């Protein structure tokens, strides 16, 4: 789980804070994808 949040944090840092409202839906999608990969 820690690595997941680190990955999300690194993705978050790539984006402008002004785009936060656009970023979070994408982060949630990527979190779902990462969880699927972890479950595999």
N, C-alpha and C. Protein backbone atom coordinates (compact mmCIF):
# COMPACT_ATOMS: atom_id res chain seq x y z
N UNK A 1 0.83 -1.20 0.00
CA UNK A 1 0.00 0.00 0.00
C UNK A 1 0.88 1.26 0.00
N UNK A 2 1.98 1.19 0.72
CA UNK A 2 2.87 2.35 0.77
C UNK A 2 3.40 2.71 -0.61
N UNK A 3 3.79 1.68 -1.36
CA UNK A 3 4.33 1.92 -2.70
C UNK A 3 3.26 2.54 -3.61
N UNK A 4 2.00 2.15 -3.38
CA UNK A 4 0.90 2.71 -4.16
C UNK A 4 0.81 4.21 -3.92
N UNK A 5 0.85 4.61 -2.65
CA UNK A 5 0.75 6.04 -2.33
C UNK A 5 1.98 6.79 -2.82
N UNK A 6 3.13 6.15 -2.79
CA UNK A 6 4.34 6.80 -3.31
C UNK A 6 4.21 7.04 -4.80
N UNK A 7 3.65 6.04 -5.51
CA UNK A 7 3.44 6.18 -6.94
C UNK A 7 2.45 7.31 -7.23
N UNK A 8 1.35 7.33 -6.47
CA UNK A 8 0.35 8.38 -6.65
C UNK A 8 0.96 9.75 -6.33
N UNK A 9 1.82 9.79 -5.32
CA UNK A 9 2.47 11.04 -4.96
C UNK A 9 3.38 11.53 -6.07
N UNK A 10 4.12 10.63 -6.69
CA UNK A 10 5.01 11.02 -7.77
C UNK A 10 4.22 11.49 -8.98
N UNK A 11 3.08 10.83 -9.24
CA UNK A 11 2.20 11.27 -10.33
C UNK A 11 1.66 12.66 -10.01
N UNK A 12 1.24 12.85 -8.76
CA UNK A 12 0.65 14.11 -8.34
C UNK A 12 1.64 15.26 -8.53
N UNK A 13 2.90 15.03 -8.19
CA UNK A 13 3.91 16.08 -8.27
C UNK A 13 4.15 16.52 -9.71
N UNK A 14 3.83 15.65 -10.68
CA UNK A 14 4.05 16.00 -12.07
C UNK A 14 3.03 17.04 -12.56
N UNK A 15 1.93 17.17 -11.83
CA UNK A 15 0.85 18.04 -12.29
C UNK A 15 0.84 19.36 -11.53
N UNK A 16 0.30 20.36 -12.21
CA UNK A 16 0.15 21.66 -11.57
C UNK A 16 -0.95 21.58 -10.53
N UNK A 17 -0.79 22.25 -9.41
CA UNK A 17 -1.81 22.21 -8.37
C UNK A 17 -3.11 22.86 -8.85
N UNK A 18 -3.02 23.71 -9.85
CA UNK A 18 -4.21 24.34 -10.41
C UNK A 18 -5.14 23.31 -11.05
N UNK A 19 -4.56 22.19 -11.45
CA UNK A 19 -5.33 21.15 -12.14
C UNK A 19 -5.77 20.05 -11.19
N UNK A 20 -5.78 20.36 -9.90
CA UNK A 20 -6.08 19.35 -8.88
C UNK A 20 -7.44 18.68 -9.13
N UNK A 21 -8.43 19.50 -9.53
CA UNK A 21 -9.77 18.96 -9.75
C UNK A 21 -9.82 18.02 -10.95
N UNK A 22 -8.87 18.19 -11.88
CA UNK A 22 -8.78 17.27 -13.01
C UNK A 22 -7.93 16.06 -12.68
N UNK A 23 -7.01 16.25 -11.72
CA UNK A 23 -6.02 15.21 -11.41
C UNK A 23 -6.62 14.07 -10.61
N UNK A 24 -7.45 14.39 -9.61
CA UNK A 24 -7.89 13.34 -8.69
C UNK A 24 -8.68 12.22 -9.36
N UNK A 25 -9.60 12.51 -10.31
CA UNK A 25 -10.25 11.38 -10.99
C UNK A 25 -9.24 10.47 -11.67
N UNK A 26 -8.20 11.06 -12.23
CA UNK A 26 -7.17 10.25 -12.88
C UNK A 26 -6.41 9.42 -11.85
N UNK A 27 -6.10 10.01 -10.70
CA UNK A 27 -5.40 9.26 -9.66
C UNK A 27 -6.24 8.08 -9.19
N UNK A 28 -7.55 8.30 -9.04
CA UNK A 28 -8.41 7.21 -8.60
C UNK A 28 -8.42 6.08 -9.64
N UNK A 29 -8.44 6.44 -10.91
CA UNK A 29 -8.41 5.42 -11.96
C UNK A 29 -7.09 4.66 -11.90
N UNK A 30 -5.99 5.39 -11.74
CA UNK A 30 -4.68 4.73 -11.69
C UNK A 30 -4.55 3.87 -10.44
N UNK A 31 -5.18 4.30 -9.35
CA UNK A 31 -5.15 3.49 -8.12
C UNK A 31 -5.84 2.16 -8.36
N UNK A 32 -7.00 2.20 -9.05
CA UNK A 32 -7.71 0.96 -9.36
C UNK A 32 -6.85 0.05 -10.23
N UNK A 33 -6.18 0.63 -11.21
CA UNK A 33 -5.32 -0.17 -12.08
C UNK A 33 -4.16 -0.77 -11.30
N UNK A 34 -3.57 0.03 -10.42
CA UNK A 34 -2.45 -0.48 -9.62
C UNK A 34 -2.90 -1.60 -8.70
N UNK A 35 -4.09 -1.45 -8.11
CA UNK A 35 -4.59 -2.51 -7.23
C UNK A 35 -4.81 -3.79 -8.01
N UNK A 36 -5.30 -3.68 -9.26
CA UNK A 36 -5.47 -4.87 -10.09
C UNK A 36 -4.12 -5.54 -10.35
N UNK A 37 -3.11 -4.72 -10.63
CA UNK A 37 -1.78 -5.28 -10.88
C UNK A 37 -1.23 -5.96 -9.64
N UNK A 38 -1.46 -5.34 -8.48
CA UNK A 38 -0.98 -5.94 -7.23
C UNK A 38 -1.70 -7.26 -6.96
N UNK A 39 -3.00 -7.30 -7.26
CA UNK A 39 -3.76 -8.52 -7.03
C UNK A 39 -3.32 -9.64 -7.96
N UNK A 40 -2.86 -9.29 -9.16
CA UNK A 40 -2.35 -10.31 -10.07
C UNK A 40 -1.05 -10.89 -9.50
